[in-house]
């Protein structure tokens, strides 16, 4: 399953994790708490972990061609929530599980 990972530096990681999960909860299966969240989107799965310095995001999809689109959708939504700060998403292939 193609996967990629980004560590996004922010002091508001937990806030963004919860906002994204709540945002998509009406449309997709979602589970979350302040430090961990998982969303099963139609494009693929997004898993997030928040700590005091970063939001760690892993996205995975059944179709390699959808991975870049999923990265973009997740990053664009988080950037909208984080309009007060400039976030950087440096997606890298995730290590094989």
N, C-alpha and C. Protein backbone atom coordinates (compact mmCIF):
# COMPACT_ATOMS: atom_id res chain seq x y z
N UNK A 1 0.84 -1.17 0.00
CA UNK A 1 0.00 0.00 0.00
C UNK A 1 0.89 1.25 0.00
N UNK A 2 0.85 2.07 -1.04
CA UNK A 2 1.68 3.28 -1.09
C UNK A 2 1.34 4.22 0.06
N UNK A 3 2.39 4.72 0.74
CA UNK A 3 2.21 5.61 1.88
C UNK A 3 3.24 6.71 1.85
N UNK A 4 2.89 7.84 2.45
CA UNK A 4 3.86 8.91 2.64
C UNK A 4 3.63 9.54 4.00
N UNK A 5 4.63 10.31 4.43
CA UNK A 5 4.65 10.84 5.79
C UNK A 5 5.16 12.28 5.76
N UNK A 6 4.58 13.12 6.62
CA UNK A 6 5.07 14.48 6.79
C UNK A 6 5.03 14.84 8.26
N UNK A 7 6.10 15.48 8.74
CA UNK A 7 6.13 16.06 10.08
C UNK A 7 5.98 17.56 9.90
N UNK A 8 4.88 18.10 10.41
CA UNK A 8 4.56 19.51 10.22
C UNK A 8 4.81 20.23 11.55
N UNK A 9 5.80 21.11 11.55
CA UNK A 9 6.15 21.84 12.78
C UNK A 9 5.06 22.85 13.12
N UNK A 10 4.47 22.70 14.30
CA UNK A 10 3.46 23.64 14.80
C UNK A 10 3.23 23.39 16.28
N UNK A 11 2.96 24.45 17.00
CA UNK A 11 2.61 24.32 18.41
C UNK A 11 1.13 24.00 18.58
N UNK A 12 0.38 24.00 17.48
CA UNK A 12 -1.08 23.79 17.51
C UNK A 12 -1.49 22.45 16.89
N UNK A 13 -0.61 21.47 16.96
CA UNK A 13 -0.85 20.19 16.30
C UNK A 13 -2.15 19.53 16.77
N UNK A 14 -2.39 19.50 18.07
CA UNK A 14 -3.59 18.86 18.58
C UNK A 14 -4.85 19.56 18.08
N UNK A 15 -4.83 20.88 18.04
CA UNK A 15 -5.98 21.64 17.54
C UNK A 15 -6.28 21.27 16.08
N UNK A 16 -5.25 21.24 15.24
CA UNK A 16 -5.47 20.95 13.82
C UNK A 16 -5.92 19.51 13.62
N UNK A 17 -5.36 18.59 14.38
CA UNK A 17 -5.76 17.18 14.30
C UNK A 17 -7.26 17.06 14.61
N UNK A 18 -7.69 17.67 15.69
CA UNK A 18 -9.10 17.58 16.09
C UNK A 18 -10.02 18.29 15.10
N UNK A 19 -9.59 19.44 14.59
CA UNK A 19 -10.41 20.17 13.61
C UNK A 19 -10.61 19.33 12.35
N UNK A 20 -9.54 18.72 11.86
CA UNK A 20 -9.64 17.93 10.64
C UNK A 20 -10.55 16.72 10.86
N UNK A 21 -10.38 16.05 11.98
CA UNK A 21 -11.22 14.89 12.26
C UNK A 21 -12.69 15.27 12.38
N UNK A 22 -12.98 16.35 13.10
CA UNK A 22 -14.37 16.80 13.24
C UNK A 22 -14.94 17.23 11.90
N UNK A 23 -14.11 17.88 11.09
CA UNK A 23 -14.54 18.37 9.78
C UNK A 23 -15.03 17.21 8.90
N UNK A 24 -14.31 16.10 8.93
CA UNK A 24 -14.65 14.98 8.05
C UNK A 24 -15.53 13.91 8.71
N UNK A 25 -15.82 14.06 10.00
CA UNK A 25 -16.57 13.03 10.73
C UNK A 25 -17.98 12.83 10.18
N UNK A 26 -18.57 13.85 9.58
CA UNK A 26 -19.93 13.71 9.04
C UNK A 26 -19.96 12.92 7.74
N UNK A 27 -18.80 12.74 7.13
CA UNK A 27 -18.74 12.13 5.80
C UNK A 27 -17.97 10.81 5.74
N UNK A 28 -17.03 10.62 6.67
CA UNK A 28 -16.13 9.46 6.64
C UNK A 28 -15.98 8.87 8.04
N UNK A 29 -15.58 7.59 8.12
CA UNK A 29 -15.28 7.00 9.43
C UNK A 29 -14.05 7.70 10.05
N UNK A 30 -14.22 8.18 11.28
CA UNK A 30 -13.17 8.94 11.96
C UNK A 30 -13.09 8.47 13.41
N UNK A 31 -11.87 8.40 13.92
CA UNK A 31 -11.68 8.18 15.35
C UNK A 31 -10.53 9.09 15.78
N UNK A 32 -10.69 9.75 16.95
CA UNK A 32 -9.63 10.64 17.38
C UNK A 32 -9.74 10.97 18.86
N UNK A 33 -8.61 11.42 19.40
CA UNK A 33 -8.53 12.03 20.71
C UNK A 33 -7.56 13.21 20.52
N UNK A 34 -7.22 13.94 21.57
CA UNK A 34 -6.36 15.12 21.36
C UNK A 34 -4.98 14.83 20.76
N UNK A 35 -4.50 13.58 20.87
CA UNK A 35 -3.14 13.28 20.41
C UNK A 35 -3.05 12.34 19.23
N UNK A 36 -4.15 11.72 18.84
CA UNK A 36 -4.11 10.74 17.75
C UNK A 36 -5.44 10.77 17.00
N UNK A 37 -5.34 10.66 15.68
CA UNK A 37 -6.55 10.62 14.87
C UNK A 37 -6.36 9.76 13.65
N UNK A 38 -7.46 9.16 13.18
CA UNK A 38 -7.44 8.36 11.95
C UNK A 38 -8.72 8.65 11.18
N UNK A 39 -8.56 8.86 9.87
CA UNK A 39 -9.68 9.17 9.00
C UNK A 39 -9.61 8.25 7.79
N UNK A 40 -10.72 7.56 7.51
CA UNK A 40 -10.79 6.69 6.34
C UNK A 40 -11.54 7.42 5.23
N UNK A 41 -10.78 8.16 4.42
CA UNK A 41 -11.35 8.91 3.30
C UNK A 41 -11.57 7.99 2.11
N UNK A 42 -12.35 8.44 1.16
CA UNK A 42 -12.55 7.64 -0.05
C UNK A 42 -11.23 7.48 -0.82
N UNK A 43 -10.33 8.46 -0.73
CA UNK A 43 -9.03 8.39 -1.40
C UNK A 43 -8.05 7.47 -0.68
N UNK A 44 -8.22 7.30 0.63
CA UNK A 44 -7.29 6.49 1.41
C UNK A 44 -7.36 6.84 2.88
N UNK A 45 -6.40 6.36 3.64
CA UNK A 45 -6.41 6.53 5.10
C UNK A 45 -5.39 7.59 5.51
N UNK A 46 -5.80 8.40 6.48
CA UNK A 46 -4.93 9.42 7.06
C UNK A 46 -4.82 9.16 8.55
N UNK A 47 -3.59 9.06 9.05
CA UNK A 47 -3.34 8.86 10.48
C UNK A 47 -2.47 10.02 10.95
N UNK A 48 -2.87 10.64 12.07
CA UNK A 48 -2.15 11.79 12.59
C UNK A 48 -1.82 11.61 14.07
N UNK A 49 -0.64 12.08 14.46
CA UNK A 49 -0.24 12.11 15.85
C UNK A 49 0.25 13.51 16.17
N UNK A 50 -0.21 14.06 17.29
CA UNK A 50 0.14 15.42 17.68
C UNK A 50 0.98 15.40 18.95
N UNK A 51 2.00 16.26 19.00
CA UNK A 51 2.72 16.50 20.24
C UNK A 51 2.93 18.01 20.35
N UNK A 52 3.74 18.45 21.28
CA UNK A 52 3.90 19.88 21.54
C UNK A 52 4.61 20.63 20.42
N UNK A 53 5.29 19.92 19.52
CA UNK A 53 6.08 20.60 18.50
C UNK A 53 5.68 20.30 17.06
N UNK A 54 4.88 19.24 16.83
CA UNK A 54 4.60 18.87 15.44
C UNK A 54 3.33 18.02 15.32
N UNK A 55 2.79 18.08 14.12
CA UNK A 55 1.71 17.19 13.71
C UNK A 55 2.34 16.19 12.74
N UNK A 56 2.33 14.93 13.11
CA UNK A 56 2.93 13.88 12.28
C UNK A 56 1.82 13.17 11.53
N UNK A 57 1.90 13.21 10.21
CA UNK A 57 0.83 12.71 9.36
C UNK A 57 1.34 11.60 8.46
N UNK A 58 0.58 10.51 8.38
CA UNK A 58 0.86 9.44 7.42
C UNK A 58 -0.40 9.23 6.60
N UNK A 59 -0.24 9.24 5.29
CA UNK A 59 -1.37 8.96 4.40
C UNK A 59 -1.04 7.70 3.61
N UNK A 60 -2.05 6.88 3.35
CA UNK A 60 -1.84 5.66 2.56
C UNK A 60 -3.08 5.42 1.71
N UNK A 61 -2.84 4.79 0.57
CA UNK A 61 -3.92 4.56 -0.39
C UNK A 61 -3.68 3.25 -1.12
N UNK A 62 -4.75 2.67 -1.64
CA UNK A 62 -4.63 1.43 -2.40
C UNK A 62 -4.05 1.67 -3.79
N UNK A 63 -4.21 2.88 -4.30
CA UNK A 63 -3.75 3.21 -5.66
C UNK A 63 -2.61 4.21 -5.60
N UNK A 64 -1.46 3.84 -6.14
CA UNK A 64 -0.29 4.72 -6.12
C UNK A 64 -0.60 6.08 -6.74
N UNK A 65 -1.43 6.10 -7.77
CA UNK A 65 -1.77 7.35 -8.44
C UNK A 65 -2.58 8.30 -7.58
N UNK A 66 -3.18 7.82 -6.51
CA UNK A 66 -4.00 8.66 -5.64
C UNK A 66 -3.22 9.26 -4.48
N UNK A 67 -2.00 8.82 -4.26
CA UNK A 67 -1.23 9.26 -3.09
C UNK A 67 -0.97 10.77 -3.12
N UNK A 68 -0.54 11.29 -4.24
CA UNK A 68 -0.25 12.72 -4.33
C UNK A 68 -1.52 13.54 -4.12
N UNK A 69 -2.63 13.07 -4.63
CA UNK A 69 -3.91 13.76 -4.44
C UNK A 69 -4.31 13.76 -2.97
N UNK A 70 -4.15 12.64 -2.30
CA UNK A 70 -4.48 12.54 -0.88
C UNK A 70 -3.59 13.48 -0.05
N UNK A 71 -2.30 13.51 -0.36
CA UNK A 71 -1.39 14.44 0.32
C UNK A 71 -1.89 15.87 0.18
N UNK A 72 -2.27 16.23 -1.02
CA UNK A 72 -2.73 17.58 -1.31
C UNK A 72 -4.03 17.92 -0.58
N UNK A 73 -4.97 17.00 -0.58
CA UNK A 73 -6.26 17.23 0.09
C UNK A 73 -6.05 17.44 1.59
N UNK A 74 -5.26 16.59 2.21
CA UNK A 74 -5.01 16.69 3.66
C UNK A 74 -4.27 18.00 3.97
N UNK A 75 -3.21 18.30 3.23
CA UNK A 75 -2.43 19.52 3.48
C UNK A 75 -3.28 20.76 3.27
N UNK A 76 -4.07 20.80 2.20
CA UNK A 76 -4.89 21.97 1.92
C UNK A 76 -5.90 22.24 3.04
N UNK A 77 -6.52 21.20 3.55
CA UNK A 77 -7.48 21.38 4.63
C UNK A 77 -6.80 21.89 5.91
N UNK A 78 -5.66 21.31 6.26
CA UNK A 78 -4.97 21.75 7.47
C UNK A 78 -4.49 23.20 7.31
N UNK A 79 -4.01 23.56 6.12
CA UNK A 79 -3.57 24.94 5.89
C UNK A 79 -4.72 25.92 6.08
N UNK A 80 -5.93 25.54 5.70
CA UNK A 80 -7.09 26.41 5.91
C UNK A 80 -7.36 26.62 7.40
N UNK A 81 -7.22 25.57 8.19
CA UNK A 81 -7.42 25.70 9.64
C UNK A 81 -6.31 26.55 10.26
N UNK A 82 -5.13 26.50 9.67
CA UNK A 82 -3.94 27.15 10.23
C UNK A 82 -3.62 28.46 9.53
N UNK A 83 -4.65 29.20 9.14
CA UNK A 83 -4.42 30.40 8.34
C UNK A 83 -3.56 31.45 9.05
N UNK A 84 -3.41 31.35 10.37
CA UNK A 84 -2.60 32.32 11.11
C UNK A 84 -1.11 31.99 11.07
N UNK A 85 -0.76 30.81 10.59
CA UNK A 85 0.66 30.45 10.52
C UNK A 85 0.95 29.76 9.20
N UNK A 86 2.20 29.83 8.80
CA UNK A 86 2.65 29.22 7.55
C UNK A 86 3.18 27.82 7.84
N UNK A 87 2.47 26.80 7.39
CA UNK A 87 2.90 25.42 7.64
C UNK A 87 3.61 24.85 6.42
N UNK A 88 4.56 23.98 6.68
CA UNK A 88 5.31 23.34 5.61
C UNK A 88 5.06 21.82 5.63
N UNK A 89 4.66 21.28 4.50
CA UNK A 89 4.41 19.85 4.34
C UNK A 89 5.47 19.28 3.41
N UNK A 90 6.41 18.53 3.97
CA UNK A 90 7.47 17.92 3.19
C UNK A 90 7.20 16.41 3.16
N UNK A 91 6.38 15.98 2.20
CA UNK A 91 5.98 14.58 2.12
C UNK A 91 7.14 13.70 1.67
N UNK A 92 7.33 12.60 2.38
CA UNK A 92 8.37 11.62 2.04
C UNK A 92 7.74 10.23 2.04
N UNK A 93 8.26 9.32 1.23
CA UNK A 93 7.72 7.95 1.27
C UNK A 93 7.82 7.38 2.69
N UNK A 94 6.74 6.77 3.14
CA UNK A 94 6.74 6.18 4.48
C UNK A 94 7.46 4.85 4.44
N UNK A 95 8.16 4.52 5.51
CA UNK A 95 8.83 3.21 5.56
C UNK A 95 7.80 2.09 5.45
N UNK A 96 8.17 1.02 4.79
CA UNK A 96 7.26 -0.12 4.65
C UNK A 96 6.97 -0.71 6.03
N UNK A 97 5.72 -1.07 6.22
CA UNK A 97 5.32 -1.61 7.52
C UNK A 97 5.72 -3.06 7.66
